[in-house]
Protein backbone atom coordinates (compact mmCIF):
# COMPACT_ATOMS: atom_id res chain seq x y z
CA MET A 1 26.94 65.75 -13.81
CA ASP A 2 29.93 67.82 -12.67
CA ASN A 3 33.49 66.49 -12.91
CA LEU A 4 33.83 65.64 -9.23
CA THR A 5 30.51 63.79 -9.02
CA LYS A 6 31.42 61.87 -12.19
CA THR A 7 34.80 60.96 -10.70
CA LEU A 8 33.27 59.75 -7.43
CA ARG A 9 30.84 57.59 -9.38
CA GLU A 10 33.72 56.15 -11.41
CA VAL A 11 35.49 55.12 -8.19
CA VAL A 12 32.39 53.16 -7.19
CA VAL A 13 31.95 51.57 -10.61
CA ALA A 14 35.63 50.65 -10.80
CA ASN A 15 35.45 48.90 -7.43
CA ARG A 16 32.37 46.95 -8.48
CA ILE A 17 33.92 45.90 -11.79
CA LEU A 18 37.19 44.76 -10.22
CA ALA A 19 35.23 42.72 -7.67
CA ARG A 20 33.01 41.14 -10.33
CA GLU A 21 36.05 40.13 -12.39
CA ASN A 22 37.75 38.60 -9.31
CA VAL A 23 40.71 40.95 -9.54
CA VAL A 24 39.96 41.99 -5.95
CA ASP A 25 38.11 40.17 -3.19
CA ALA A 26 37.62 41.48 0.34
CA TYR A 27 40.86 43.40 -0.16
CA GLY A 28 42.30 45.75 -2.77
CA HIS A 29 41.43 49.29 -3.79
CA VAL A 30 41.27 51.80 -6.61
CA SER A 31 41.80 55.56 -6.63
CA ILE A 32 41.42 58.43 -9.06
CA ARG A 33 43.35 61.68 -9.05
CA HIS A 34 41.06 64.57 -8.06
CA PRO A 35 39.74 66.20 -11.26
CA ASP A 36 40.02 69.71 -9.83
CA ASN A 37 43.18 69.41 -7.73
CA THR A 38 46.12 67.34 -8.98
CA GLU A 39 47.62 67.31 -5.48
CA ARG A 40 44.75 65.19 -4.17
CA TYR A 41 43.07 61.90 -4.97
CA VAL A 42 39.80 60.15 -4.09
CA MET A 43 39.17 56.58 -2.99
CA SER A 44 36.85 54.65 -0.73
CA ARG A 45 37.14 54.41 3.02
CA SER A 46 38.41 51.05 4.21
CA ARG A 47 35.74 48.75 2.82
CA SER A 48 35.59 45.67 0.59
CA PRO A 49 35.42 46.77 -3.06
CA GLU A 50 32.13 45.02 -3.89
CA LEU A 51 30.39 47.02 -1.15
CA VAL A 52 31.68 50.52 -1.99
CA THR A 53 29.07 53.25 -2.45
CA LEU A 54 29.24 56.97 -3.20
CA GLY A 55 28.96 57.71 0.50
CA ASP A 56 32.19 55.81 1.16
CA ILE A 57 34.46 57.99 -0.96
CA MET A 58 37.10 60.06 0.83
CA GLU A 59 39.52 62.72 -0.39
CA PHE A 60 43.26 62.65 0.36
CA SER A 61 46.34 64.78 -0.11
CA LEU A 62 49.20 63.00 -1.84
CA ASP A 63 50.86 62.20 1.50
CA GLY A 64 47.80 60.17 2.52
CA THR A 65 46.22 62.72 4.86
CA ALA A 66 42.42 62.55 4.77
CA ILE A 67 40.75 65.89 4.00
CA ASP A 68 38.19 66.76 6.71
CA ASP A 69 37.23 63.13 7.22
CA ASP A 70 37.83 60.98 10.30
CA ARG A 71 36.64 57.66 8.90
CA THR A 72 39.06 54.73 8.68
CA PRO A 73 41.06 54.83 5.44
CA TYR A 74 42.87 52.00 3.69
CA ALA A 75 46.21 51.39 5.38
CA GLU A 76 47.91 51.11 1.98
CA ARG A 77 46.66 54.41 0.54
CA HIS A 78 50.32 55.49 0.38
CA ILE A 79 50.74 53.30 -2.71
CA HIS A 80 48.40 55.64 -4.54
CA GLY A 81 49.72 58.98 -3.29
CA ALA A 82 53.34 58.07 -3.94
CA ILE A 83 52.61 57.03 -7.52
CA TYR A 84 50.62 60.20 -8.21
CA GLU A 85 53.47 62.21 -6.72
CA ALA A 86 56.07 60.52 -8.92
CA ARG A 87 54.03 60.26 -12.13
CA PRO A 88 52.04 63.42 -13.01
CA GLU A 89 50.51 61.72 -16.06
CA ILE A 90 48.90 58.96 -13.98
CA ASN A 91 45.26 59.57 -13.07
CA ALA A 92 44.20 56.21 -11.62
CA VAL A 93 45.83 53.46 -9.57
CA VAL A 94 44.63 49.95 -8.72
CA HIS A 95 46.16 47.82 -5.98
CA ASN A 96 45.19 44.15 -5.94
CA HIS A 97 46.35 40.72 -4.80
CA SER A 98 45.48 38.71 -7.92
CA HIS A 99 46.41 35.07 -7.29
CA ALA A 100 47.44 34.63 -10.93
CA VAL A 101 50.01 37.42 -10.61
CA ILE A 102 51.66 36.40 -7.31
CA PRO A 103 53.88 33.61 -8.75
CA PHE A 104 55.68 36.07 -11.04
CA GLY A 105 56.72 38.16 -8.05
CA VAL A 106 58.30 35.26 -6.16
CA THR A 107 60.13 33.50 -9.01
CA THR A 108 62.60 34.50 -11.70
CA THR A 109 59.99 33.96 -14.41
CA PRO A 110 59.18 37.36 -15.92
CA LEU A 111 55.58 38.41 -16.54
CA ARG A 112 55.46 39.38 -20.21
CA PRO A 113 52.59 39.73 -22.71
CA VAL A 114 51.66 36.51 -24.50
CA ALA A 115 48.27 37.65 -25.82
CA HIS A 116 47.19 40.84 -27.56
CA VAL A 117 44.79 41.71 -24.72
CA GLY A 118 47.73 41.59 -22.31
CA ALA A 119 49.85 44.08 -24.25
CA SER A 120 48.84 47.06 -22.12
CA ILE A 121 50.86 45.73 -19.18
CA GLY A 122 53.89 46.89 -21.16
CA LYS A 123 57.21 45.51 -22.27
CA GLU A 124 58.54 45.18 -18.74
CA VAL A 125 56.82 44.38 -15.44
CA PRO A 126 59.32 44.99 -12.61
CA VAL A 127 59.19 43.29 -9.23
CA TRP A 128 59.44 45.39 -6.08
CA ASP A 129 60.54 43.71 -2.86
CA ILE A 130 59.75 45.63 0.33
CA ARG A 131 62.31 43.56 2.23
CA ARG A 132 65.16 44.97 0.18
CA ASN A 133 65.07 48.36 1.92
CA PHE A 134 62.80 47.78 4.92
CA GLY A 135 63.71 44.33 6.20
CA ASP A 136 61.06 41.95 7.50
CA THR A 137 57.60 43.59 7.48
CA ASN A 138 53.99 42.48 7.18
CA LEU A 139 54.43 43.29 3.44
CA LEU A 140 51.92 46.16 3.60
CA VAL A 141 52.86 49.62 2.31
CA VAL A 142 51.84 51.72 5.30
CA ASN A 143 53.78 54.99 4.98
CA MET A 144 55.09 57.38 2.35
CA GLU A 145 58.67 56.17 2.64
CA GLN A 146 57.59 52.72 1.58
CA GLY A 147 55.19 54.14 -1.00
CA ARG A 148 57.90 56.24 -2.61
CA ASP A 149 60.22 53.25 -2.71
CA LEU A 150 57.47 51.32 -4.50
CA ALA A 151 56.98 54.20 -6.93
CA ASP A 152 60.72 54.11 -7.64
CA GLY A 153 60.38 50.40 -8.37
CA LEU A 154 57.52 51.10 -10.76
CA GLY A 155 59.65 53.66 -12.60
CA GLY A 156 58.12 54.57 -15.94
CA ASN A 157 56.30 51.25 -16.31
CA ASN A 158 52.57 50.53 -16.23
CA VAL A 159 52.60 47.80 -13.59
CA VAL A 160 54.81 46.82 -10.68
CA LEU A 161 54.60 43.47 -8.91
CA MET A 162 54.96 43.42 -5.14
CA ARG A 163 56.85 40.33 -4.00
CA GLY A 164 54.60 37.96 -2.05
CA HIS A 165 51.80 40.52 -2.00
CA GLY A 166 50.24 41.63 -5.28
CA CYS A 167 50.70 44.53 -7.65
CA ALA A 168 50.03 48.17 -8.39
CA VAL A 169 48.52 49.02 -11.77
CA THR A 170 48.38 52.50 -13.27
CA GLY A 171 46.42 54.29 -15.95
CA THR A 172 45.95 57.72 -17.45
CA SER A 173 42.24 57.05 -16.90
CA VAL A 174 40.36 54.86 -14.45
CA GLN A 175 38.90 52.90 -17.34
CA GLY A 176 42.39 52.15 -18.63
CA ALA A 177 43.68 51.19 -15.18
CA VAL A 178 40.75 48.83 -14.61
CA MET A 179 41.07 47.20 -18.03
CA ARG A 180 44.82 46.85 -17.54
CA SER A 181 44.23 45.19 -14.16
CA ILE A 182 41.71 42.72 -15.58
CA TYR A 183 43.90 41.70 -18.50
CA LEU A 184 47.06 41.65 -16.40
CA GLN A 185 45.36 38.82 -14.53
CA VAL A 186 44.21 37.17 -17.76
CA ASN A 187 47.70 37.34 -19.24
CA ALA A 188 49.29 36.01 -16.04
CA GLN A 189 46.98 32.99 -16.04
CA LEU A 190 47.54 32.37 -19.77
CA LEU A 191 51.30 32.49 -19.21
CA GLN A 192 51.08 30.05 -16.30
CA ASP A 193 49.03 27.67 -18.46
CA THR A 194 51.46 28.02 -21.35
CA LEU A 195 54.50 27.33 -19.16
CA GLN A 196 52.95 23.96 -18.27
CA MET A 197 52.98 23.08 -21.96
CA SER A 198 56.41 24.40 -22.93
CA GLU A 199 59.16 26.74 -21.81
CA GLN A 200 59.62 27.80 -25.44
CA ILE A 201 57.15 30.65 -25.63
CA GLU A 202 56.53 33.09 -28.45
CA TYR A 203 56.01 36.32 -26.51
CA LEU A 204 54.69 39.44 -28.18
CA SER A 205 57.44 41.52 -29.76
CA ASP A 206 58.06 45.11 -28.64
CA GLY A 207 56.40 46.38 -31.82
CA GLU A 208 53.38 44.14 -31.30
CA ILE A 209 53.08 45.30 -27.68
CA GLU A 210 53.05 48.94 -28.76
CA GLN A 211 50.47 48.46 -31.51
CA CYS A 212 48.20 46.13 -29.53
CA ALA A 213 48.27 48.41 -26.48
CA GLU A 214 47.46 51.44 -28.62
CA ILE A 215 44.28 49.92 -30.01
CA PHE A 216 43.35 48.23 -26.71
CA LEU A 217 43.42 51.59 -24.89
CA SER A 218 41.82 53.59 -27.69
CA ASP A 219 38.58 55.44 -26.90
CA PHE A 220 36.59 53.05 -29.09
CA SER A 221 37.90 49.96 -27.32
CA VAL A 222 37.73 51.38 -23.80
CA LYS A 223 34.14 52.64 -24.15
CA ARG A 224 32.99 49.27 -25.47
CA ALA A 225 34.71 47.36 -22.67
CA TRP A 226 33.59 49.74 -19.94
CA GLU A 227 29.95 49.36 -20.98
CA TYR A 228 30.33 45.57 -20.92
CA PHE A 229 32.08 45.38 -17.57
CA GLN A 230 29.64 47.85 -15.99
CA ARG A 231 26.74 45.66 -17.05
CA ARG A 232 28.39 42.49 -15.75
CA ALA A 233 28.93 44.22 -12.41
CA GLY A 234 25.36 45.51 -12.28
CA ALA A 235 26.78 49.01 -11.95
CA GLU A 236 25.36 50.79 -14.99
CA SER A 237 22.63 52.46 -12.91
CA LEU A 238 24.85 53.65 -10.06
């Protein structure tokens, strides 16, 4: 299997996994930087993640222009292109509207790791507010100006919350981005549950975050998890 075919398949599998784990529903999307051209990326046409097939994958330049394809793209593809433009080391981006994550974008309560599986979200999860620079909108990121502002809000972090909307999650691989998205949601729900018990929380230390994230995103761990999540999504034969 050549690199491009493998990448297209991974887009499909990633969509199916994220849908199976309830990180995305009818909405949300995942992209991968083109393996042969760093100035492009691939993602599905505008379709619900659980339904994505190989035939749905489109190719885009970083400014969101579809390459020789007139099908309807995701309106928020600019999230992906702007992050790839700003962060050369990033090779996959997930955008989702996880219900567990939303509260941390609309309150002053920070989203921080409380469990070892949540360490890969990083030491800081910033909140980006589209209203700050663009006034009242429908909260969708629909052009490169907004996408670049979001990428600025992400900075050098792994995740950025989008106030009242969702989040953007990055990874140096699609497997890492998908795992980070799943356990971002897990950690957010654990933190919500914990806050109902006490406001005195023992968060992971910076050193613990670094060491837990390192092993969580190691090849051994990622391969094991990817096999598991593929099987749960019924996507191992795609």
